[in-house]
C-alpha atoms as a PDB file:
ATOM      1  CA  UNK A   1      -9.170  19.590 -11.098  1.00  0.00           C
ATOM      2  CA  UNK A   2     -12.503  20.757 -12.458  1.00  0.00           C
ATOM      3  CA  UNK A   3     -15.214  22.426 -10.435  1.00  0.00           C
ATOM      4  CA  UNK A   4     -18.050  24.237 -12.116  1.00  0.00           C
ATOM      5  CA  UNK A   5     -19.282  25.771  -8.900  1.00  0.00           C
ATOM      6  CA  UNK A   6     -17.020  28.142  -7.031  1.00  0.00           C
ATOM      7  CA  UNK A   7     -17.473  29.909  -3.620  1.00  0.00           C
ATOM      8  CA  UNK A   8     -15.347  33.004  -3.154  1.00  0.00           C
ATOM      9  CA  UNK A   9     -14.809  33.947   0.525  1.00  0.00           C
ATOM     10  CA  UNK A  10     -13.664  37.305   1.912  1.00  0.00           C
ATOM     11  CA  UNK A  11     -10.006  36.485   2.273  1.00  0.00           C
ATOM     12  CA  UNK A  12      -6.974  36.831   0.049  1.00  0.00           C
ATOM     13  CA  UNK A  13      -8.287  37.070  -3.530  1.00  0.00           C
ATOM     14  CA  UNK A  14      -7.203  34.369  -6.017  1.00  0.00           C
ATOM     15  CA  UNK A  15      -3.923  35.225  -7.743  1.00  0.00           C
ATOM     16  CA  UNK A  16      -2.406  31.817  -8.478  1.00  0.00           C
ATOM     17  CA  UNK A  17      -2.972  30.554 -12.061  1.00  0.00           C
ATOM     18  CA  UNK A  18      -4.907  27.500 -10.879  1.00  0.00           C
ATOM     19  CA  UNK A  19      -7.270  29.489  -8.716  1.00  0.00           C
ATOM     20  CA  UNK A  20      -7.820  31.954 -11.516  1.00  0.00           C
ATOM     21  CA  UNK A  21      -8.431  29.181 -13.976  1.00  0.00           C
ATOM     22  CA  UNK A  22     -11.172  27.746 -11.769  1.00  0.00           C
ATOM     23  CA  UNK A  23     -12.813  31.165 -11.487  1.00  0.00           C
ATOM     24  CA  UNK A  24     -12.708  31.824 -15.240  1.00  0.00           C
ATOM     25  CA  UNK A  25     -14.062  28.402 -16.112  1.00  0.00           C
ATOM     26  CA  UNK A  26     -16.861  28.358 -13.494  1.00  0.00           C
ATOM     27  CA  UNK A  27     -20.446  28.086 -14.403  1.00  0.00           C
ATOM     28  CA  UNK A  28     -21.719  29.304 -11.023  1.00  0.00           C
ATOM     29  CA  UNK A  29     -19.851  31.751  -8.740  1.00  0.00           C
ATOM     30  CA  UNK A  30     -21.279  32.176  -5.206  1.00  0.00           C
ATOM     31  CA  UNK A  31     -19.626  35.247  -3.694  1.00  0.00           C
ATOM     32  CA  UNK A  32     -19.579  36.090   0.025  1.00  0.00           C
ATOM     33  CA  UNK A  33     -20.656  39.690   0.255  1.00  0.00           C
ATOM     34  CA  UNK A  34     -17.383  40.896   1.666  1.00  0.00           C
ATOM     35  CA  UNK A  35     -15.550  39.537  -1.377  1.00  0.00           C
ATOM     36  CA  UNK A  36     -17.497  41.325  -4.026  1.00  0.00           C
ATOM     37  CA  UNK A  37     -15.038  44.233  -4.497  1.00  0.00           C
ATOM     38  CA  UNK A  38     -12.101  41.871  -4.844  1.00  0.00           C
ATOM     39  CA  UNK A  39     -13.911  39.631  -7.267  1.00  0.00           C
ATOM     40  CA  UNK A  40     -14.974  42.409  -9.577  1.00  0.00           C
ATOM     41  CA  UNK A  41     -11.522  43.881  -9.438  1.00  0.00           C
ATOM     42  CA  UNK A  42     -10.450  40.681 -11.254  1.00  0.00           C
ATOM     43  CA  UNK A  43     -13.014  41.429 -13.898  1.00  0.00           C
ATOM     44  CA  UNK A  44     -15.282  38.544 -12.877  1.00  0.00           C
ATOM     45  CA  UNK A  45     -19.018  38.844 -12.153  1.00  0.00           C
ATOM     46  CA  UNK A  46     -20.631  36.760  -9.432  1.00  0.00           C
ATOM     47  CA  UNK A  47     -23.704  34.656 -10.044  1.00  0.00           C
ATOM     48  CA  UNK A  48     -25.067  35.440  -6.668  1.00  0.00           C
ATOM     49  CA  UNK A  49     -23.895  37.298  -3.560  1.00  0.00           C
ATOM     50  CA  UNK A  50     -24.674  35.751  -0.206  1.00  0.00           C
ATOM     51  CA  UNK A  51     -24.281  37.299   3.288  1.00  0.00           C
ATOM     52  CA  UNK A  52     -25.741  39.764   5.782  1.00  0.00           C
ATOM     53  CA  UNK A  53     -25.191  42.681   3.438  1.00  0.00           C
ATOM     54  CA  UNK A  54     -23.121  44.784   5.839  1.00  0.00           C
ATOM     55  CA  UNK A  55     -20.060  44.689   3.539  1.00  0.00           C
ATOM     56  CA  UNK A  56     -21.809  45.852   0.402  1.00  0.00           C
ATOM     57  CA  UNK A  57     -21.792  49.486  -0.549  1.00  0.00           C
ATOM     58  CA  UNK A  58     -24.877  51.379  -1.675  1.00  0.00           C
ATOM     59  CA  UNK A  59     -23.567  51.395  -5.256  1.00  0.00           C
ATOM     60  CA  UNK A  60     -22.900  47.652  -5.211  1.00  0.00           C
ATOM     61  CA  UNK A  61     -26.351  47.030  -3.735  1.00  0.00           C
ATOM     62  CA  UNK A  62     -27.824  48.855  -6.708  1.00  0.00           C
ATOM     63  CA  UNK A  63     -25.588  47.217  -9.295  1.00  0.00           C
ATOM     64  CA  UNK A  64     -26.219  43.674  -8.014  1.00  0.00           C
ATOM     65  CA  UNK A  65     -29.747  44.046  -6.696  1.00  0.00           C
ATOM     66  CA  UNK A  66     -30.909  41.114  -8.950  1.00  0.00           C
ATOM     67  CA  UNK A  67     -28.440  38.648  -7.472  1.00  0.00           C
ATOM     68  CA  UNK A  68     -28.015  39.488  -3.764  1.00  0.00           C
ATOM     69  CA  UNK A  69     -29.276  36.729  -1.447  1.00  0.00           C
ATOM     70  CA  UNK A  70     -29.571  38.376   2.016  1.00  0.00           C
ATOM     71  CA  UNK A  71     -28.997  36.127   5.021  1.00  0.00           C
ATOM     72  CA  UNK A  72     -29.113  37.906   8.370  1.00  0.00           C
ATOM     73  CA  UNK A  73     -28.590  34.774  10.454  1.00  0.00           C
ATOM     74  CA  UNK A  74     -25.991  35.186  13.216  1.00  0.00           C
ATOM     75  CA  UNK A  75     -25.633  31.414  13.689  1.00  0.00           C
ATOM     76  CA  UNK A  76     -23.308  31.013  10.701  1.00  0.00           C
ATOM     77  CA  UNK A  77     -20.498  32.912   9.017  1.00  0.00           C
ATOM     78  CA  UNK A  78     -20.749  34.043   5.429  1.00  0.00           C
ATOM     79  CA  UNK A  79     -18.842  31.050   4.085  1.00  0.00           C
ATOM     80  CA  UNK A  80     -21.314  28.667   5.613  1.00  0.00           C
ATOM     81  CA  UNK A  81     -24.214  30.782   4.247  1.00  0.00           C
ATOM     82  CA  UNK A  82     -22.673  30.356   0.802  1.00  0.00           C
ATOM     83  CA  UNK A  83     -22.351  26.651   1.313  1.00  0.00           C
ATOM     84  CA  UNK A  84     -26.030  26.516   2.455  1.00  0.00           C
ATOM     85  CA  UNK A  85     -26.964  28.368  -0.712  1.00  0.00           C
ATOM     86  CA  UNK A  86     -25.161  25.740  -2.829  1.00  0.00           C
ATOM     87  CA  UNK A  87     -26.891  22.953  -0.939  1.00  0.00           C
ATOM     88  CA  UNK A  88     -30.332  24.495  -1.402  1.00  0.00           C
ATOM     89  CA  UNK A  89     -29.696  24.639  -5.147  1.00  0.00           C
ATOM     90  CA  UNK A  90     -28.260  21.126  -5.388  1.00  0.00           C
ATOM     91  CA  UNK A  91     -24.779  22.305  -6.126  1.00  0.00           C
ATOM     92  CA  UNK A  92     -23.082  19.659  -4.096  1.00  0.00           C
ATOM     93  CA  UNK A  93     -19.642  19.773  -5.726  1.00  0.00           C
ATOM     94  CA  UNK A  94     -17.697  22.989  -5.322  1.00  0.00           C
ATOM     95  CA  UNK A  95     -14.322  24.579  -4.687  1.00  0.00           C
ATOM     96  CA  UNK A  96     -13.797  27.333  -2.080  1.00  0.00           C
ATOM     97  CA  UNK A  97     -11.451  30.189  -3.010  1.00  0.00           C
ATOM     98  CA  UNK A  98     -10.408  33.195  -0.981  1.00  0.00           C
ATOM     99  CA  UNK A  99     -10.724  31.495   2.369  1.00  0.00           C
ATOM    100  CA  UNK A 100      -7.094  32.142   3.481  1.00  0.00           C
ATOM    101  CA  UNK A 101      -4.910  35.204   4.004  1.00  0.00           C
ATOM    102  CA  UNK A 102      -5.849  38.275   5.952  1.00  0.00           C
ATOM    103  CA  UNK A 103      -7.013  37.068   9.437  1.00  0.00           C
ATOM    104  CA  UNK A 104      -5.428  33.792  10.632  1.00  0.00           C
ATOM    105  CA  UNK A 105      -8.361  33.076  13.025  1.00  0.00           C
ATOM    106  CA  UNK A 106     -10.790  33.197  10.146  1.00  0.00           C
ATOM    107  CA  UNK A 107      -8.526  30.868   8.124  1.00  0.00           C
ATOM    108  CA  UNK A 108      -8.282  28.299  10.971  1.00  0.00           C
ATOM    109  CA  UNK A 109     -12.071  28.468  11.362  1.00  0.00           C
ATOM    110  CA  UNK A 110     -12.538  27.939   7.555  1.00  0.00           C
ATOM    111  CA  UNK A 111     -10.152  25.003   7.615  1.00  0.00           C
ATOM    112  CA  UNK A 112     -12.172  23.227  10.359  1.00  0.00           C
ATOM    113  CA  UNK A 113     -15.389  24.033   8.546  1.00  0.00           C
ATOM    114  CA  UNK A 114     -14.023  22.450   5.336  1.00  0.00           C
ATOM    115  CA  UNK A 115     -13.782  19.107   7.172  1.00  0.00           C
ATOM    116  CA  UNK A 116     -17.425  19.479   8.299  1.00  0.00           C
ATOM    117  CA  UNK A 117     -18.619  20.475   4.833  1.00  0.00           C
ATOM    118  CA  UNK A 118     -16.931  17.343   3.342  1.00  0.00           C
ATOM    119  CA  UNK A 119     -19.277  15.096   5.302  1.00  0.00           C
ATOM    120  CA  UNK A 120     -22.019  16.067   2.846  1.00  0.00           C
ATOM    121  CA  UNK A 121     -20.372  17.648  -0.173  1.00  0.00           C
ATOM    122  CA  UNK A 122     -17.543  17.106  -2.649  1.00  0.00           C
ATOM    123  CA  UNK A 123     -15.441  20.083  -1.742  1.00  0.00           C
ATOM    124  CA  UNK A 124     -11.818  21.355  -1.923  1.00  0.00           C
ATOM    125  CA  UNK A 125     -10.289  24.624  -0.752  1.00  0.00           C
ATOM    126  CA  UNK A 126      -7.808  26.312  -3.099  1.00  0.00           C
ATOM    127  CA  UNK A 127      -5.511  29.118  -1.833  1.00  0.00           C
ATOM    128  CA  UNK A 128      -2.741  30.951  -3.590  1.00  0.00           C
ATOM    129  CA  UNK A 129      -0.279  28.466  -2.165  1.00  0.00           C
ATOM    130  CA  UNK A 130      -1.961  25.081  -2.491  1.00  0.00           C
ATOM    131  CA  UNK A 131      -4.988  22.823  -2.287  1.00  0.00           C
ATOM    132  CA  UNK A 132      -6.718  21.351   0.779  1.00  0.00           C
ATOM    133  CA  UNK A 133      -8.630  18.108   0.103  1.00  0.00           C
ATOM    134  CA  UNK A 134     -10.680  16.454   2.850  1.00  0.00           C
ATOM    135  CA  UNK A 135     -10.899  12.696   2.691  1.00  0.00           C
ATOM    136  CA  UNK A 136     -12.708   9.980   4.774  1.00  0.00           C
ATOM    137  CA  UNK A 137     -11.305   6.829   3.237  1.00  0.00           C
ATOM    138  CA  UNK A 138      -8.269   5.637   1.252  1.00  0.00           C
ATOM    139  CA  UNK A 139      -7.568   8.093  -1.565  1.00  0.00           C
ATOM    140  CA  UNK A 140      -5.116   8.315  -4.432  1.00  0.00           C
ATOM    141  CA  UNK A 141      -3.806  11.747  -5.460  1.00  0.00           C
ATOM    142  CA  UNK A 142      -2.246  12.928  -8.691  1.00  0.00           C
ATOM    143  CA  UNK A 143       0.714  15.186  -8.093  1.00  0.00           C
ATOM    144  CA  UNK A 144       4.026  16.471  -9.322  1.00  0.00           C
ATOM    145  CA  UNK A 145       7.299  14.868  -8.223  1.00  0.00           C
ATOM    146  CA  UNK A 146       8.872  16.651  -5.243  1.00  0.00           C
ATOM    147  CA  UNK A 147       5.611  18.386  -4.343  1.00  0.00           C
ATOM    148  CA  UNK A 148       5.259  19.246  -0.619  1.00  0.00           C
ATOM    149  CA  UNK A 149       2.405  17.410   1.092  1.00  0.00           C
ATOM    150  CA  UNK A 150       1.035  17.596   4.641  1.00  0.00           C
ATOM    151  CA  UNK A 151      -1.644  15.354   6.194  1.00  0.00           C
ATOM    152  CA  UNK A 152      -3.841  16.530   9.107  1.00  0.00           C
ATOM    153  CA  UNK A 153      -5.935  14.121  11.105  1.00  0.00           C
ATOM    154  CA  UNK A 154      -9.049  15.375  12.862  1.00  0.00           C
ATOM    155  CA  UNK A 155      -9.809  11.831  14.172  1.00  0.00           C
ATOM    156  CA  UNK A 156      -6.833  10.797  16.347  1.00  0.00           C
ATOM    157  CA  UNK A 157      -7.962   7.182  16.454  1.00  0.00           C
ATOM    158  CA  UNK A 158      -7.720   6.736  12.724  1.00  0.00           C
ATOM    159  CA  UNK A 159      -4.568   4.771  11.587  1.00  0.00           C
ATOM    160  CA  UNK A 160      -2.966   6.052   8.418  1.00  0.00           C
ATOM    161  CA  UNK A 161      -0.429   4.707   5.989  1.00  0.00           C
ATOM    162  CA  UNK A 162       1.438   6.624   3.188  1.00  0.00           C
ATOM    163  CA  UNK A 163       2.309   5.206  -0.222  1.00  0.00           C
ATOM    164  CA  UNK A 164       4.424   7.274  -2.576  1.00  0.00           C
ATOM    165  CA  UNK A 165       5.735   9.876  -0.137  1.00  0.00           C
ATOM    166  CA  UNK A 166       9.317  10.314   0.811  1.00  0.00           C
ATOM    167  CA  UNK A 167       8.865   9.831   4.557  1.00  0.00           C
ATOM    168  CA  UNK A 168       6.951   6.602   5.200  1.00  0.00           C
ATOM    169  CA  UNK A 169       4.116   6.189   7.646  1.00  0.00           C
ATOM    170  CA  UNK A 170       2.606   2.763   8.384  1.00  0.00           C
ATOM    171  CA  UNK A 171      -0.599   2.316  10.412  1.00  0.00           C
ATOM    172  CA  UNK A 172       0.098   5.359  12.495  1.00  0.00           C
ATOM    173  CA  UNK A 173      -2.474   7.509  14.220  1.00  0.00           C
ATOM    174  CA  UNK A 174      -1.833  11.275  14.774  1.00  0.00           C
ATOM    175  CA  UNK A 175      -2.912  12.769  18.094  1.00  0.00           C
ATOM    176  CA  UNK A 176      -1.599  16.251  17.131  1.00  0.00           C
ATOM    177  CA  UNK A 177      -2.239  18.139  13.909  1.00  0.00           C
ATOM    178  CA  UNK A 178       1.409  18.764  13.194  1.00  0.00           C
ATOM    179  CA  UNK A 179       2.433  15.083  13.222  1.00  0.00           C
ATOM    180  CA  UNK A 180       1.649  14.437   9.556  1.00  0.00           C
ATOM    181  CA  UNK A 181       3.115  17.615   8.092  1.00  0.00           C
ATOM    182  CA  UNK A 182       6.062  18.373   5.837  1.00  0.00           C
ATOM    183  CA  UNK A 183       6.301  15.392   3.589  1.00  0.00           C
ATOM    184  CA  UNK A 184       7.117  15.329  -0.122  1.00  0.00           C
ATOM    185  CA  UNK A 185       6.087  13.311  -3.185  1.00  0.00           C
ATOM    186  CA  UNK A 186       8.410  11.013  -5.119  1.00  0.00           C
ATOM    187  CA  UNK A 187       6.481  10.336  -8.351  1.00  0.00           C
ATOM    188  CA  UNK A 188       3.354  11.542 -10.089  1.00  0.00           C
ATOM    189  CA  UNK A 189       0.896  10.077  -7.567  1.00  0.00           C
ATOM    190  CA  UNK A 190       0.568   9.024  -3.922  1.00  0.00           C
ATOM    191  CA  UNK A 191      -2.003   7.332  -1.790  1.00  0.00           C
ATOM    192  CA  UNK A 192      -3.182   8.116   1.764  1.00  0.00           C
ATOM    193  CA  UNK A 193      -4.555   4.814   3.159  1.00  0.00           C
ATOM    194  CA  UNK A 194      -7.025   5.018   6.051  1.00  0.00           C
ATOM    195  CA  UNK A 195      -7.388   1.809   8.031  1.00  0.00           C
ATOM    196  CA  UNK A 196     -10.549   3.092   9.664  1.00  0.00           C
ATOM    197  CA  UNK A 197     -13.028   5.773   8.621  1.00  0.00           C
ATOM    198  CA  UNK A 198     -11.681   9.172   9.563  1.00  0.00           C
ATOM    199  CA  UNK A 199     -11.709  12.900   8.947  1.00  0.00           C
ATOM    200  CA  UNK A 200      -8.394  13.714   7.202  1.00  0.00           C
ATOM    201  CA  UNK A 201      -7.197  16.806   5.446  1.00  0.00           C
ATOM    202  CA  UNK A 202      -4.521  16.539   2.764  1.00  0.00           C
ATOM    203  CA  UNK A 203      -2.603  19.623   1.656  1.00  0.00           C
ATOM    204  CA  UNK A 204      -0.692  19.790  -1.648  1.00  0.00           C
ATOM    205  CA  UNK A 205       1.448  22.884  -2.065  1.00  0.00           C
ATOM    206  CA  UNK A 206       1.835  24.520  -5.476  1.00  0.00           C
ATOM    207  CA  UNK A 207       5.330  24.239  -6.976  1.00  0.00           C
END
């Protein structure tokens, strides 16, 4: 998994080795303003800082004056403001870090936004526990054997089949988000087959 553009949201700061690797190898780091203290505590400098500025201290405002992009809009949260910055600068492939932890309501909101973002951008969300990948058609995933996997359907009419997971699913549609959860891989890859276009979120837990 290689993403040269990273968005850091104001949630639980990256601690898992994969999340930290993405940060350290990134060419562009777009930081939501509430996350700046956590990011710099990791010894990592942002490329730009996006948000309404309410979460930045006077000292931080001076230190990063050359890279703060203020956005006072009340129509979007800071994560969407960061995504809009990426879009405006043709950074259409990015990973979102720091979107989980802390407040669960924010996390649920960010998860639903991830599905919306994926309509236009190549995006994944990496937490300290796993990776969320939105898909809209049949997709093969690399994995580790015995890796936990959950599948969430945001389009109940979409029929789904699993290939390479322990608990089989054939041409089934999920009317509730929980119905595709708690599966596990058997080899080093699996495929989620969509029989119609849909909005599907695949979660792979780190092991």
